[in-house]
C-alpha cells in the first residue's frame, strides 16, 4: 500500500518536471493502475492460499490426534479386557 503512494508521488513529481502529452500521461496512469490492481489481486490470492493451507494443515493435525486417541483407547480397552479375562 505504501509503495502505491510512493509510486504515485514519484509519478506526479516526474510529471511536474517533464510534462507528457495528455493522452500519453493518461495511458501511463491507466497502465500503472492496472499493474497495481494486478499486484493487489496476486497478494490477495496468496493470502487466500496461505489461509487454505493453514486450514488444511490444522485438519490434518486434528485427524492425526483423533487417530492417536483412537489407537490409545483401543489399546486401553484391550488391556482392560485382558485383565478382566484373567482367572481370579
PDB file of N, CA and C in Angstrom:
ATOM      1  N   UNK A   1       0.816  -1.173   0.000  1.00  0.00           N
ATOM      2  CA  UNK A   1       0.000   0.000   0.000  1.00  0.00           C
ATOM      3  C   UNK A   1       0.871   1.251   0.000  1.00  0.00           C
ATOM      4  N   UNK A   2       1.896   1.276   0.833  1.00  0.00           N
ATOM      5  CA  UNK A   2       2.798   2.424   0.895  1.00  0.00           C
ATOM      6  C   UNK A   2       3.552   2.581  -0.415  1.00  0.00           C
ATOM      7  N   UNK A   3       3.858   1.440  -1.061  1.00  0.00           N
ATOM      8  CA  UNK A   3       4.563   1.507  -2.344  1.00  0.00           C
ATOM      9  C   UNK A   3       3.701   2.200  -3.392  1.00  0.00           C
ATOM     10  N   UNK A   4       2.364   1.951  -3.342  1.00  0.00           N
ATOM     11  CA  UNK A   4       1.450   2.596  -4.293  1.00  0.00           C
ATOM     12  C   UNK A   4       1.499   4.104  -4.129  1.00  0.00           C
ATOM     13  N   UNK A   5       1.489   4.562  -2.888  1.00  0.00           N
ATOM     14  CA  UNK A   5       1.532   6.003  -2.615  1.00  0.00           C
ATOM     15  C   UNK A   5       2.856   6.576  -3.100  1.00  0.00           C
ATOM     16  N   UNK A   6       3.970   5.871  -2.824  1.00  0.00           N
ATOM     17  CA  UNK A   6       5.281   6.331  -3.273  1.00  0.00           C
ATOM     18  C   UNK A   6       5.348   6.405  -4.792  1.00  0.00           C
ATOM     19  N   UNK A   7       4.802   5.388  -5.459  1.00  0.00           N
ATOM     20  CA  UNK A   7       4.829   5.385  -6.920  1.00  0.00           C
ATOM     21  C   UNK A   7       4.024   6.552  -7.480  1.00  0.00           C
ATOM     22  N   UNK A   8       2.868   6.805  -6.890  1.00  0.00           N
ATOM     23  CA  UNK A   8       2.039   7.916  -7.368  1.00  0.00           C
ATOM     24  C   UNK A   8       2.730   9.255  -7.124  1.00  0.00           C
ATOM     25  N   UNK A   9       3.349   9.413  -5.961  1.00  0.00           N
ATOM     26  CA  UNK A   9       4.045  10.664  -5.647  1.00  0.00           C
ATOM     27  C   UNK A   9       5.210  10.879  -6.609  1.00  0.00           C
ATOM     28  N   UNK A  10       5.947   9.801  -6.891  1.00  0.00           N
ATOM     29  CA  UNK A  10       7.076   9.922  -7.829  1.00  0.00           C
ATOM     30  C   UNK A  10       6.590  10.257  -9.234  1.00  0.00           C
ATOM     31  N   UNK A  11       5.497   9.596  -9.632  1.00  0.00           N
ATOM     32  CA  UNK A  11       4.965   9.861 -10.966  1.00  0.00           C
ATOM     33  C   UNK A  11       4.516  11.316 -11.087  1.00  0.00           C
ATOM     34  N   UNK A  12       3.865  11.808 -10.055  1.00  0.00           N
ATOM     35  CA  UNK A  12       3.423  13.202 -10.083  1.00  0.00           C
ATOM     36  C   UNK A  12       4.610  14.153 -10.135  1.00  0.00           C
ATOM     37  N   UNK A  13       5.663  13.847  -9.402  1.00  0.00           N
ATOM     38  CA  UNK A  13       6.860  14.684  -9.418  1.00  0.00           C
ATOM     39  C   UNK A  13       7.495  14.666 -10.807  1.00  0.00           C
ATOM     40  N   UNK A  14       7.551  13.490 -11.424  1.00  0.00           N
ATOM     41  CA  UNK A  14       8.093  13.399 -12.787  1.00  0.00           C
ATOM     42  C   UNK A  14       7.225  14.166 -13.774  1.00  0.00           C
ATOM     43  N   UNK A  15       5.917  14.075 -13.599  1.00  0.00           N
ATOM     44  CA  UNK A  15       5.001  14.796 -14.490  1.00  0.00           C
ATOM     45  C   UNK A  15       5.196  16.306 -14.376  1.00  0.00           C
ATOM     46  N   UNK A  16       5.467  16.779 -13.162  1.00  0.00           N
ATOM     47  CA  UNK A  16       5.687  18.211 -12.968  1.00  0.00           C
ATOM     48  C   UNK A  16       6.983  18.662 -13.635  1.00  0.00           C
ATOM     49  N   UNK A  17       8.005  17.809 -13.586  1.00  0.00           N
ATOM     50  CA  UNK A  17       9.303  18.168 -14.170  1.00  0.00           C
ATOM     51  C   UNK A  17       9.293  18.088 -15.693  1.00  0.00           C
ATOM     52  N   UNK A  18       8.700  17.060 -16.233  1.00  0.00           N
ATOM     53  CA  UNK A  18       8.673  16.891 -17.689  1.00  0.00           C
ATOM     54  C   UNK A  18       7.283  16.437 -18.115  1.00  0.00           C
ATOM     55  N   UNK A  19       6.432  17.395 -18.383  1.00  0.00           N
ATOM     56  CA  UNK A  19       5.042  17.049 -18.718  1.00  0.00           C
ATOM     57  C   UNK A  19       4.953  16.246 -20.021  1.00  0.00           C
ATOM     58  N   UNK A  20       4.101  15.221 -19.983  1.00  0.00           N
ATOM     59  CA  UNK A  20       3.840  14.408 -21.164  1.00  0.00           C
ATOM     60  C   UNK A  20       2.639  14.987 -21.887  1.00  0.00           C
ATOM     61  N   UNK A  21       2.413  14.460 -23.065  1.00  0.00           N
ATOM     62  CA  UNK A  21       1.188  14.821 -23.750  1.00  0.00           C
ATOM     63  C   UNK A  21       0.040  14.213 -22.968  1.00  0.00           C
ATOM     64  N   UNK A  22      -1.109  14.850 -22.998  1.00  0.00           N
ATOM     65  CA  UNK A  22      -2.252  14.419 -22.191  1.00  0.00           C
ATOM     66  C   UNK A  22      -2.604  12.954 -22.356  1.00  0.00           C
ATOM     67  N   UNK A  23      -2.663  12.459 -23.597  1.00  0.00           N
ATOM     68  CA  UNK A  23      -3.036  11.067 -23.854  1.00  0.00           C
ATOM     69  C   UNK A  23      -2.014  10.087 -23.317  1.00  0.00           C
ATOM     70  N   UNK A  24      -0.727  10.400 -23.494  1.00  0.00           N
ATOM     71  CA  UNK A  24       0.339   9.519 -23.009  1.00  0.00           C
ATOM     72  C   UNK A  24       0.315   9.417 -21.485  1.00  0.00           C
ATOM     73  N   UNK A  25       0.107  10.539 -20.840  1.00  0.00           N
ATOM     74  CA  UNK A  25       0.088  10.561 -19.374  1.00  0.00           C
ATOM     75  C   UNK A  25      -1.084   9.726 -18.858  1.00  0.00           C
ATOM     76  N   UNK A  26      -2.240   9.880 -19.476  1.00  0.00           N
ATOM     77  CA  UNK A  26      -3.413   9.115 -19.066  1.00  0.00           C
ATOM     78  C   UNK A  26      -3.180   7.622 -19.275  1.00  0.00           C
ATOM     79  N   UNK A  27      -2.581   7.279 -20.398  1.00  0.00           N
ATOM     80  CA  UNK A  27      -2.289   5.873 -20.701  1.00  0.00           C
ATOM     81  C   UNK A  27      -1.307   5.283 -19.691  1.00  0.00           C
ATOM     82  N   UNK A  28      -0.278   6.052 -19.333  1.00  0.00           N
ATOM     83  CA  UNK A  28       0.691   5.578 -18.343  1.00  0.00           C
ATOM     84  C   UNK A  28       0.032   5.360 -16.983  1.00  0.00           C
ATOM     85  N   UNK A  29      -0.824   6.259 -16.592  1.00  0.00           N
ATOM     86  CA  UNK A  29      -1.514   6.110 -15.298  1.00  0.00           C
ATOM     87  C   UNK A  29      -2.441   4.902 -15.311  1.00  0.00           C
ATOM     88  N   UNK A  30      -3.124   4.686 -16.432  1.00  0.00           N
ATOM     89  CA  UNK A  30      -4.006   3.521 -16.520  1.00  0.00           C
ATOM     90  C   UNK A  30      -3.205   2.228 -16.436  1.00  0.00           C
ATOM     91  N   UNK A  31      -2.052   2.196 -17.099  1.00  0.00           N
ATOM     92  CA  UNK A  31      -1.190   1.018 -17.025  1.00  0.00           C
ATOM     93  C   UNK A  31      -0.692   0.805 -15.597  1.00  0.00           C
ATOM     94  N   UNK A  32      -0.306   1.889 -14.944  1.00  0.00           N
ATOM     95  CA  UNK A  32       0.171   1.804 -13.562  1.00  0.00           C
ATOM     96  C   UNK A  32      -0.937   1.281 -12.650  1.00  0.00           C
ATOM     97  N   UNK A  33      -2.159   1.777 -12.844  1.00  0.00           N
ATOM     98  CA  UNK A  33      -3.286   1.310 -12.031  1.00  0.00           C
ATOM     99  C   UNK A  33      -3.570  -0.165 -12.293  1.00  0.00           C
ATOM    100  N   UNK A  34      -3.477  -0.583 -13.554  1.00  0.00           N
ATOM    101  CA  UNK A  34      -3.682  -1.998 -13.889  1.00  0.00           C
ATOM    102  C   UNK A  34      -2.636  -2.874 -13.207  1.00  0.00           C
ATOM    103  N   UNK A  35      -1.385  -2.430 -13.227  1.00  0.00           N
ATOM    104  CA  UNK A  35      -0.302  -3.184 -12.576  1.00  0.00           C
ATOM    105  C   UNK A  35      -0.531  -3.248 -11.071  1.00  0.00           C
ATOM    106  N   UNK A  36      -0.891  -2.117 -10.477  1.00  0.00           N
ATOM    107  CA  UNK A  36      -1.157  -2.090  -9.035  1.00  0.00           C
ATOM    108  C   UNK A  36      -2.307  -3.018  -8.675  1.00  0.00           C
ATOM    109  N   UNK A  37      -3.384  -2.991  -9.486  1.00  0.00           N
ATOM    110  CA  UNK A  37      -4.537  -3.858  -9.223  1.00  0.00           C
ATOM    111  C   UNK A  37      -4.138  -5.325  -9.361  1.00  0.00           C
ATOM    112  N   UNK A  38      -3.341  -5.617 -10.357  1.00  0.00           N
ATOM    113  CA  UNK A  38      -2.858  -6.985 -10.555  1.00  0.00           C
ATOM    114  C   UNK A  38      -2.022  -7.447  -9.364  1.00  0.00           C
ATOM    115  N   UNK A  39      -1.154  -6.557  -8.870  1.00  0.00           N
ATOM    116  CA  UNK A  39      -0.337  -6.879  -7.696  1.00  0.00           C
ATOM    117  C   UNK A  39      -1.207  -7.138  -6.472  1.00  0.00           C
ATOM    118  N   UNK A  40      -2.241  -6.301  -6.289  1.00  0.00           N
ATOM    119  CA  UNK A  40      -3.145  -6.495  -5.146  1.00  0.00           C
ATOM    120  C   UNK A  40      -3.874  -7.831  -5.265  1.00  0.00           C
ATOM    121  N   UNK A  41      -4.335  -8.156  -6.482  1.00  0.00           N
ATOM    122  CA  UNK A  41      -5.034  -9.422  -6.691  1.00  0.00           C
ATOM    123  C   UNK A  41      -4.109 -10.599  -6.403  1.00  0.00           C
ATOM    124  N   UNK A  42      -2.861 -10.477  -6.823  1.00  0.00           N
ATOM    125  CA  UNK A  42      -1.881 -11.544  -6.598  1.00  0.00           C
ATOM    126  C   UNK A  42      -1.642 -11.736  -5.104  1.00  0.00           C
ATOM    127  N   UNK A  43      -1.478 -10.644  -4.388  1.00  0.00           N
ATOM    128  CA  UNK A  43      -1.266 -10.718  -2.934  1.00  0.00           C
ATOM    129  C   UNK A  43      -2.496 -11.317  -2.258  1.00  0.00           C
ATOM    130  N   UNK A  44      -3.683 -10.881  -2.671  1.00  0.00           N
ATOM    131  CA  UNK A  44      -4.918 -11.423  -2.092  1.00  0.00           C
ATOM    132  C   UNK A  44      -5.013 -12.923  -2.346  1.00  0.00           C
ATOM    133  N   UNK A  45      -4.638 -13.357  -3.542  1.00  0.00           N
ATOM    134  CA  UNK A  45      -4.676 -14.780  -3.869  1.00  0.00           C
ATOM    135  C   UNK A  45      -3.697 -15.561  -3.008  1.00  0.00           C
ATOM    136  N   UNK A  46      -2.511 -15.011  -2.804  1.00  0.00           N
ATOM    137  CA  UNK A  46      -1.519 -15.688  -1.970  1.00  0.00           C
ATOM    138  C   UNK A  46      -1.994 -15.789  -0.529  1.00  0.00           C
ATOM    139  N   UNK A  47      -2.621 -14.721  -0.033  1.00  0.00           N
ATOM    140  CA  UNK A  47      -3.139 -14.750   1.334  1.00  0.00           C
ATOM    141  C   UNK A  47      -4.257 -15.776   1.464  1.00  0.00           C
ATOM    142  N   UNK A  48      -5.117 -15.862   0.449  1.00  0.00           N
ATOM    143  CA  UNK A  48      -6.188 -16.853   0.470  1.00  0.00           C
ATOM    144  C   UNK A  48      -5.606 -18.260   0.440  1.00  0.00           C
ATOM    145  N   UNK A  49      -4.603 -18.469  -0.384  1.00  0.00           N
ATOM    146  CA  UNK A  49      -3.958 -19.772  -0.475  1.00  0.00           C
ATOM    147  C   UNK A  49      -3.280 -20.123   0.842  1.00  0.00           C
ATOM    148  N   UNK A  50      -2.625 -19.156   1.455  1.00  0.00           N
ATOM    149  CA  UNK A  50      -1.957 -19.393   2.731  1.00  0.00           C
ATOM    150  C   UNK A  50      -2.971 -19.789   3.803  1.00  0.00           C
ATOM    151  N   UNK A  51      -4.107 -19.089   3.834  1.00  0.00           N
ATOM    152  CA  UNK A  51      -5.160 -19.421   4.792  1.00  0.00           C
ATOM    153  C   UNK A  51      -5.702 -20.819   4.563  1.00  0.00           C
ATOM    154  N   UNK A  52      -5.901 -21.170   3.295  1.00  0.00           N
ATOM    155  CA  UNK A  52      -6.396 -22.510   2.959  1.00  0.00           C
ATOM    156  C   UNK A  52      -5.402 -23.578   3.401  1.00  0.00           C
ATOM    157  N   UNK A  53      -4.125 -23.349   3.155  1.00  0.00           N
ATOM    158  CA  UNK A  53      -3.100 -24.322   3.545  1.00  0.00           C
ATOM    159  C   UNK A  53      -3.012 -24.461   5.064  1.00  0.00           C
ATOM    160  N   UNK A  54      -3.178 -23.359   5.785  1.00  0.00           N
ATOM    161  CA  UNK A  54      -3.183 -23.431   7.249  1.00  0.00           C
ATOM    162  C   UNK A  54      -4.378 -24.240   7.742  1.00  0.00           C
ATOM    163  N   UNK A  55      -5.532 -24.027   7.123  1.00  0.00           N
ATOM    164  CA  UNK A  55      -6.719 -24.783   7.491  1.00  0.00           C
ATOM    165  C   UNK A  55      -6.522 -26.271   7.207  1.00  0.00           C
ATOM    166  N   UNK A  56      -5.982 -26.564   6.047  1.00  0.00           N
ATOM    167  CA  UNK A  56      -5.721 -27.954   5.676  1.00  0.00           C
ATOM    168  C   UNK A  56      -4.742 -28.596   6.643  1.00  0.00           C
ATOM    169  N   UNK A  57      -3.712 -27.863   7.010  1.00  0.00           N
ATOM    170  CA  UNK A  57      -2.722 -28.367   7.962  1.00  0.00           C
ATOM    171  C   UNK A  57      -3.376 -28.643   9.313  1.00  0.00           C
ATOM    172  N   UNK A  58      -4.237 -27.744   9.771  1.00  0.00           N
ATOM    173  CA  UNK A  58      -4.934 -27.932  11.042  1.00  0.00           C
ATOM    174  C   UNK A  58      -5.826 -29.165  10.990  1.00  0.00           C
ATOM    175  N   UNK A  59      -6.498 -29.360   9.866  1.00  0.00           N
ATOM    176  CA  UNK A  59      -7.355 -30.532   9.724  1.00  0.00           C
ATOM    177  C   UNK A  59      -6.532 -31.814   9.771  1.00  0.00           C
ATOM    178  N   UNK A  60      -5.376 -31.805   9.130  1.00  0.00           N
ATOM    179  CA  UNK A  60      -4.511 -32.983   9.157  1.00  0.00           C
ATOM    180  C   UNK A  60      -4.028 -33.255  10.579  1.00  0.00           C
ATOM    181  N   UNK A  61      -3.650 -32.210  11.300  1.00  0.00           N
ATOM    182  CA  UNK A  61      -3.210 -32.379  12.681  1.00  0.00           C
ATOM    183  C   UNK A  61      -4.336 -32.950  13.537  1.00  0.00           C
ATOM    184  N   UNK A  62      -5.559 -32.440  13.338  1.00  0.00           N
ATOM    185  CA  UNK A  62      -6.704 -32.949  14.087  1.00  0.00           C
ATOM    186  C   UNK A  62      -6.953 -34.427  13.775  1.00  0.00           C
ATOM    187  N   UNK A  63      -6.838 -34.792  12.513  1.00  0.00           N
ATOM    188  CA  UNK A  63      -7.038 -36.192  12.129  1.00  0.00           C
ATOM    189  C   UNK A  63      -5.985 -37.090  12.783  1.00  0.00           C
ATOM    190  N   UNK A  64      -4.753 -36.630  12.815  1.00  0.00           N
ATOM    191  CA  UNK A  64      -3.692 -37.416  13.457  1.00  0.00           C
ATOM    192  C   UNK A  64      -3.943 -37.556  14.958  1.00  0.00           C
ATOM    193  N   UNK A  65      -4.384 -36.468  15.588  1.00  0.00           N
ATOM    194  CA  UNK A  65      -4.675 -36.526  17.014  1.00  0.00           C
ATOM    195  C   UNK A  65      -5.819 -37.490  17.301  1.00  0.00           C
ATOM    196  N   UNK A  66      -6.865 -37.446  16.491  1.00  0.00           N
ATOM    197  CA  UNK A  66      -8.002 -38.355  16.669  1.00  0.00           C
ATOM    198  C   UNK A  66      -7.553 -39.796  16.469  1.00  0.00           C
ATOM    199  N   UNK A  67      -6.749 -40.011  15.445  1.00  0.00           N
ATOM    200  CA  UNK A  67      -6.239 -41.350  15.184  1.00  0.00           C
ATOM    201  C   UNK A  67      -5.417 -41.864  16.363  1.00  0.00           C
ATOM    202  N   UNK A  68      -4.584 -41.017  16.906  1.00  0.00           N
ATOM    203  CA  UNK A  68      -3.755 -41.393  18.057  1.00  0.00           C
ATOM    204  C   UNK A  68      -4.636 -41.695  19.273  1.00  0.00           C
ATOM    205  N   UNK A  69      -5.633 -40.844  19.509  1.00  0.00           N
ATOM    206  CA  UNK A  69      -6.534 -41.070  20.640  1.00  0.00           C
ATOM    207  C   UNK A  69      -7.313 -42.371  20.468  1.00  0.00           C
ATOM    208  N   UNK A  70      -7.774 -42.637  19.255  1.00  0.00           N
ATOM    209  CA  UNK A  70      -8.492 -43.882  18.993  1.00  0.00           C
ATOM    210  C   UNK A  70      -7.593 -45.083  19.240  1.00  0.00           C
ATOM    211  N   UNK A  71      -6.367 -44.995  18.788  1.00  0.00           N
ATOM    212  CA  UNK A  71      -5.423 -46.095  18.984  1.00  0.00           C
ATOM    213  C   UNK A  71      -5.160 -46.313  20.473  1.00  0.00           C
ATOM    214  N   UNK A  72      -4.970 -45.238  21.218  1.00  0.00           N
ATOM    215  CA  UNK A  72      -4.752 -45.358  22.662  1.00  0.00           C
ATOM    216  C   UNK A  72      -5.971 -45.946  23.358  1.00  0.00           C
ATOM    217  N   UNK A  73      -7.162 -45.536  22.924  1.00  0.00           N
ATOM    218  CA  UNK A  73      -8.392 -46.059  23.502  1.00  0.00           C
ATOM    219  C   UNK A  73      -8.515 -47.558  23.237  1.00  0.00           C
ATOM    220  N   UNK A  74      -8.218 -47.966  22.004  1.00  0.00           N
ATOM    221  CA  UNK A  74      -8.273 -49.392  21.662  1.00  0.00           C
ATOM    222  C   UNK A  74      -7.271 -50.190  22.489  1.00  0.00           C
ATOM    223  N   UNK A  75      -6.077 -49.672  22.629  1.00  0.00           N
ATOM    224  CA  UNK A  75      -5.050 -50.361  23.417  1.00  0.00           C
ATOM    225  C   UNK A  75      -5.469 -50.452  24.883  1.00  0.00           C
ATOM    226  N   UNK A  76      -6.065 -49.382  25.400  1.00  0.00           N
ATOM    227  CA  UNK A  76      -6.522 -49.374  26.789  1.00  0.00           C
ATOM    228  C   UNK A  76      -7.651 -50.383  26.981  1.00  0.00           C
ATOM    229  N   UNK A  77      -8.585 -50.403  26.018  1.00  0.00           N
ATOM    230  CA  UNK A  77      -9.689 -51.364  26.087  1.00  0.00           C
ATOM    231  C   UNK A  77      -9.165 -52.793  26.031  1.00  0.00           C
ATOM    232  N   UNK A  78      -8.222 -53.072  25.156  1.00  0.00           N
ATOM    233  CA  UNK A  78      -7.626 -54.406  25.047  1.00  0.00           C
ATOM    234  C   UNK A  78      -6.960 -54.797  26.356  1.00  0.00           C
ATOM    235  N   UNK A  79      -6.254 -53.865  26.947  1.00  0.00           N
ATOM    236  CA  UNK A  79      -5.565 -54.138  28.204  1.00  0.00           C
ATOM    237  C   UNK A  79      -6.582 -54.453  29.315  1.00  0.00           C
ATOM    238  N   UNK A  80      -7.669 -53.667  29.375  1.00  0.00           N
ATOM    239  CA  UNK A  80      -8.697 -53.909  30.386  1.00  0.00           C
ATOM    240  C   UNK A  80      -9.381 -55.255  30.165  1.00  0.00           C
ATOM    241  N   UNK A  81      -9.643 -55.584  28.897  1.00  0.00           N
ATOM    242  CA  UNK A  81     -10.273 -56.865  28.593  1.00  0.00           C
ATOM    243  C   UNK A  81      -9.361 -58.019  28.986  1.00  0.00           C
ATOM    244  N   UNK A  82      -8.094 -57.904  28.754  1.00  0.00           N
ATOM    245  CA  UNK A  82      -7.149 -58.955  29.122  1.00  0.00           C
ATOM    246  C   UNK A  82      -7.107 -59.109  30.635  1.00  0.00           C
ATOM    247  N   UNK A  83      -7.178 -58.023  31.366  1.00  0.00           N
ATOM    248  CA  UNK A  83      -7.136 -58.059  32.839  1.00  0.00           C
ATOM    249  C   UNK A  83      -8.400 -58.716  33.387  1.00  0.00           C
ATOM    250  N   UNK A  84      -9.559 -58.395  32.759  1.00  0.00           N
ATOM    251  CA  UNK A  84     -10.830 -58.942  33.218  1.00  0.00           C
ATOM    252  C   UNK A  84     -10.960 -60.424  32.882  1.00  0.00           C
ATOM    253  N   UNK A  85     -10.332 -60.847  31.790  1.00  0.00           N
ATOM    254  CA  UNK A  85     -10.422 -62.242  31.365  1.00  0.00           C
ATOM    255  C   UNK A  85      -9.546 -63.156  32.210  1.00  0.00           C
ATOM    256  N   UNK A  86      -8.663 -62.633  33.021  1.00  0.00           N
ATOM    257  CA  UNK A  86      -7.791 -63.452  33.869  1.00  0.00           C
ATOM    258  C   UNK A  86      -8.625 -64.169  34.938  1.00  0.00           C
ATOM    259  N   UNK A  87      -8.251 -65.383  35.192  1.00  0.00           N
ATOM    260  CA  UNK A  87      -8.951 -66.077  36.290  1.00  0.00           C
ATOM    261  C   UNK A  87      -8.538 -65.487  37.625  1.00  0.00           C
ATOM    262  N   UNK A  88      -9.469 -65.388  38.518  1.00  0.00           N
ATOM    263  CA  UNK A  88      -9.179 -64.795  39.829  1.00  0.00           C
ATOM    264  C   UNK A  88      -8.628 -65.819  40.797  1.00  0.00           C
TER     265      UNK A  88
END
